[in-house]
């Protein structure tokens, strides 16, 4: 019996290509993996790593073929993540953002957004849009990046919250606003101390 198809993200070391080469790389990866996987969904190009998002029944030959492009750093199975508490989800999302794994951060945040209400839901929507904006940047879509960052800023401000489970929304909104005032599209970092229990 054949293994079921699963969605995976394979991480490759970036060998010096930029997001402006997204379409060419996506075509190249699809051609390289023809016959080895059911579908190459996307590639996302960050400064240090490239994410290849795909569906396959057998990951090992795919990893082997991708190693012809660059060193395979890691891979993850994409699936429904259990969000846990809001704090746990934010800690996981901040960690993923720090690693340039914006699509996964978006998925983690969406898990807690579904059950949130009111101001908290608005703030989470802003964080989801923040992550989605960076996925656009990884795909070389600077106009989409700016559009989603503007929406993220509006949602963060509309929430009226200064912080969410220890994450300073004020500092994030200020950083987003600062980037939107410049001509340069760049990755925005966020910080949250997740080393221990949150103090009251």
Protein backbone atom coordinates (compact mmCIF):
# COMPACT_ATOMS: atom_id res chain seq x y z
CA UNK A 1 0.00 0.00 0.00
CA UNK A 2 1.37 3.40 -1.01
CA UNK A 3 2.04 6.09 1.57
CA UNK A 4 -0.49 8.90 1.68
CA UNK A 5 0.39 12.22 0.10
CA UNK A 6 1.55 14.81 2.60
CA UNK A 7 2.48 18.42 2.39
CA UNK A 8 6.09 19.24 3.28
CA UNK A 9 8.37 22.24 3.41
CA UNK A 10 11.97 21.50 2.50
CA UNK A 11 14.53 24.11 3.56
CA UNK A 12 17.54 24.74 1.33
CA UNK A 13 20.52 26.96 2.03
CA UNK A 14 20.17 30.13 -0.05
CA UNK A 15 23.09 30.19 -2.46
CA UNK A 16 22.74 33.89 -3.24
CA UNK A 17 19.46 34.36 -5.07
CA UNK A 18 16.93 37.04 -4.23
CA UNK A 19 13.15 37.10 -4.10
CA UNK A 20 13.13 38.87 -7.47
CA UNK A 21 14.06 35.46 -8.94
CA UNK A 22 10.99 33.73 -7.44
CA UNK A 23 9.21 32.86 -10.69
CA UNK A 24 12.33 31.49 -12.36
CA UNK A 25 13.21 29.38 -9.31
CA UNK A 26 9.65 28.05 -9.02
CA UNK A 27 9.77 26.93 -12.67
CA UNK A 28 13.21 25.35 -12.15
CA UNK A 29 12.11 23.47 -9.02
CA UNK A 30 8.92 22.22 -10.69
CA UNK A 31 10.96 20.92 -13.62
CA UNK A 32 13.58 19.35 -11.32
CA UNK A 33 10.92 17.52 -9.28
CA UNK A 34 8.70 16.47 -12.19
CA UNK A 35 7.60 12.89 -11.54
CA UNK A 36 8.90 12.86 -7.94
CA UNK A 37 6.13 14.81 -6.27
CA UNK A 38 2.50 15.50 -6.93
CA UNK A 39 2.75 19.25 -6.78
CA UNK A 40 5.24 22.01 -6.01
CA UNK A 41 3.04 24.62 -4.37
CA UNK A 42 5.54 27.44 -4.00
CA UNK A 43 9.08 28.52 -3.21
CA UNK A 44 9.79 31.28 -0.71
CA UNK A 45 13.19 32.97 -0.80
CA UNK A 46 14.64 34.38 2.40
CA UNK A 47 18.11 35.80 2.99
CA UNK A 48 19.51 32.56 4.43
CA UNK A 49 17.18 29.81 3.31
CA UNK A 50 14.75 28.85 0.58
CA UNK A 51 11.52 27.05 1.40
CA UNK A 52 10.17 24.55 -1.12
CA UNK A 53 6.51 23.88 -0.35
CA UNK A 54 5.32 20.63 -1.95
CA UNK A 55 3.07 17.57 -1.80
CA UNK A 56 4.57 14.09 -2.10
CA UNK A 57 4.18 10.51 -0.92
CA UNK A 58 7.95 9.96 -0.50
CA UNK A 59 10.15 12.83 0.67
CA UNK A 60 13.57 11.16 0.47
CA UNK A 61 13.95 11.16 -3.35
CA UNK A 62 12.70 14.75 -3.38
CA UNK A 63 15.33 15.77 -0.83
CA UNK A 64 17.97 13.99 -2.90
CA UNK A 65 16.96 15.77 -6.08
CA UNK A 66 16.78 19.17 -4.35
CA UNK A 67 20.33 18.67 -3.07
CA UNK A 68 21.41 19.25 -6.67
CA UNK A 69 20.35 22.88 -6.18
CA UNK A 70 21.71 23.49 -2.71
CA UNK A 71 22.32 21.93 0.68
CA UNK A 72 19.11 20.58 2.20
CA UNK A 73 18.97 21.99 5.73
CA UNK A 74 15.78 20.43 7.05
CA UNK A 75 12.19 19.58 6.25
CA UNK A 76 8.88 19.66 8.10
CA UNK A 77 5.52 18.04 7.54
CA UNK A 78 2.78 20.62 7.20
CA UNK A 79 -0.28 19.86 9.25
CA UNK A 80 -2.76 21.23 11.66
CA UNK A 81 -0.75 22.57 14.57
CA UNK A 82 -2.28 22.51 17.98
CA UNK A 83 -2.09 26.16 18.97
CA UNK A 84 -2.04 25.61 22.75
CA UNK A 85 -2.42 28.82 24.71
CA UNK A 86 -2.22 32.26 23.17
CA UNK A 87 1.17 32.77 24.83
CA UNK A 88 2.52 29.45 23.48
CA UNK A 89 1.31 30.31 19.99
CA UNK A 90 2.90 33.77 20.13
CA UNK A 91 6.19 32.32 21.37
CA UNK A 92 6.18 29.77 18.54
CA UNK A 93 5.27 32.41 15.95
CA UNK A 94 8.00 34.79 17.15
CA UNK A 95 10.54 31.94 16.99
CA UNK A 96 9.44 31.08 13.43
CA UNK A 97 9.59 34.74 12.35
CA UNK A 98 13.12 34.92 13.77
CA UNK A 99 14.04 31.97 11.57
CA UNK A 100 12.44 33.57 8.50
CA UNK A 101 9.64 30.98 8.46
CA UNK A 102 6.78 33.41 7.96
CA UNK A 103 4.33 31.04 6.33
CA UNK A 104 4.51 28.68 9.30
CA UNK A 105 4.18 31.61 11.72
CA UNK A 106 1.03 32.62 9.87
CA UNK A 107 -0.38 29.11 10.31
CA UNK A 108 0.38 29.05 14.05
CA UNK A 109 -1.27 32.43 14.58
CA UNK A 110 -4.30 31.43 12.55
CA UNK A 111 -4.83 28.51 14.92
CA UNK A 112 -5.43 30.81 17.91
CA UNK A 113 -7.16 33.51 15.86
CA UNK A 114 -10.00 31.11 15.06
CA UNK A 115 -11.14 30.97 18.70
CA UNK A 116 -10.24 34.56 19.68
CA UNK A 117 -12.77 37.34 20.08
CA UNK A 118 -12.93 41.11 20.12
CA UNK A 119 -9.73 43.13 20.45
CA UNK A 120 -7.60 40.01 20.75
CA UNK A 121 -8.94 38.72 17.42
CA UNK A 122 -8.17 42.09 15.76
CA UNK A 123 -4.62 42.07 17.14
CA UNK A 124 -4.08 38.48 15.97
CA UNK A 125 -5.40 39.44 12.54
CA UNK A 126 -2.75 42.17 12.45
CA UNK A 127 -0.04 39.64 13.34
CA UNK A 128 -1.28 37.21 10.67
CA UNK A 129 -1.22 39.99 8.07
CA UNK A 130 2.30 40.92 9.26
CA UNK A 131 3.47 37.34 8.61
CA UNK A 132 1.63 37.17 5.27
CA UNK A 133 3.29 40.44 4.18
CA UNK A 134 6.69 38.84 4.70
CA UNK A 135 5.65 35.82 2.63
CA UNK A 136 4.91 38.31 -0.18
CA UNK A 137 8.39 39.77 0.29
CA UNK A 138 9.90 36.26 0.05
CA UNK A 139 8.08 35.88 -3.27
CA UNK A 140 9.46 39.17 -4.62
CA UNK A 141 6.09 40.96 -4.44
CA UNK A 142 7.01 44.29 -2.82
CA UNK A 143 3.65 45.90 -3.68
CA UNK A 144 1.83 43.01 -1.98
CA UNK A 145 4.22 43.27 0.97
CA UNK A 146 3.40 46.95 1.48
CA UNK A 147 -0.33 46.44 0.97
CA UNK A 148 -0.46 43.71 3.63
CA UNK A 149 1.77 45.68 6.02
CA UNK A 150 -0.65 48.63 5.78
CA UNK A 151 -3.55 46.28 6.58
CA UNK A 152 -1.55 44.77 9.47
CA UNK A 153 -0.89 48.22 10.89
CA UNK A 154 -4.59 49.18 10.65
CA UNK A 155 -5.61 45.95 12.43
CA UNK A 156 -3.01 46.39 15.18
CA UNK A 157 -4.10 49.99 15.77
CA UNK A 158 -7.82 49.12 15.58
CA UNK A 159 -7.36 46.52 18.32
CA UNK A 160 -6.52 49.28 20.77
CA UNK A 161 -4.21 46.90 22.63
CA UNK A 162 -0.72 47.95 23.74
CA UNK A 163 0.40 44.33 24.17
CA UNK A 164 -0.83 40.81 23.65
CA UNK A 165 0.40 38.04 25.98
CA UNK A 166 3.66 39.94 26.52
CA UNK A 167 4.21 40.95 22.89
CA UNK A 168 4.43 44.73 22.51
CA UNK A 169 1.96 45.61 19.78
CA UNK A 170 2.94 49.27 20.14
CA UNK A 171 6.58 48.49 19.26
CA UNK A 172 5.52 46.28 16.35
CA UNK A 173 3.15 48.94 14.99
CA UNK A 174 5.95 51.51 15.27
CA UNK A 175 8.37 49.24 13.36
CA UNK A 176 5.78 48.55 10.64
CA UNK A 177 5.01 52.26 10.35
CA UNK A 178 8.73 53.02 10.05
CA UNK A 179 9.16 50.56 7.19
CA UNK A 180 6.12 51.90 5.38
CA UNK A 181 7.63 55.40 5.50
CA UNK A 182 10.76 54.24 3.63
CA UNK A 183 11.26 53.13 0.06
CA UNK A 184 13.14 50.01 1.18
CA UNK A 185 11.21 46.78 1.71
CA UNK A 186 12.86 44.85 4.52
CA UNK A 187 12.23 42.10 7.03
CA UNK A 188 10.94 43.30 10.39
CA UNK A 189 11.95 41.43 13.52
CA UNK A 190 9.75 41.02 16.57
CA UNK A 191 10.76 40.06 20.05
CA UNK A 192 9.12 38.29 22.94
CA UNK A 193 10.86 36.80 25.95
CA UNK A 194 9.60 33.21 26.07
CA UNK A 195 12.30 31.85 28.37
CA UNK A 196 10.01 31.47 31.36
CA UNK A 197 6.52 32.04 32.60
CA UNK A 198 5.10 35.45 31.87
CA UNK A 199 5.22 37.70 34.88
CA UNK A 200 2.09 39.62 35.75
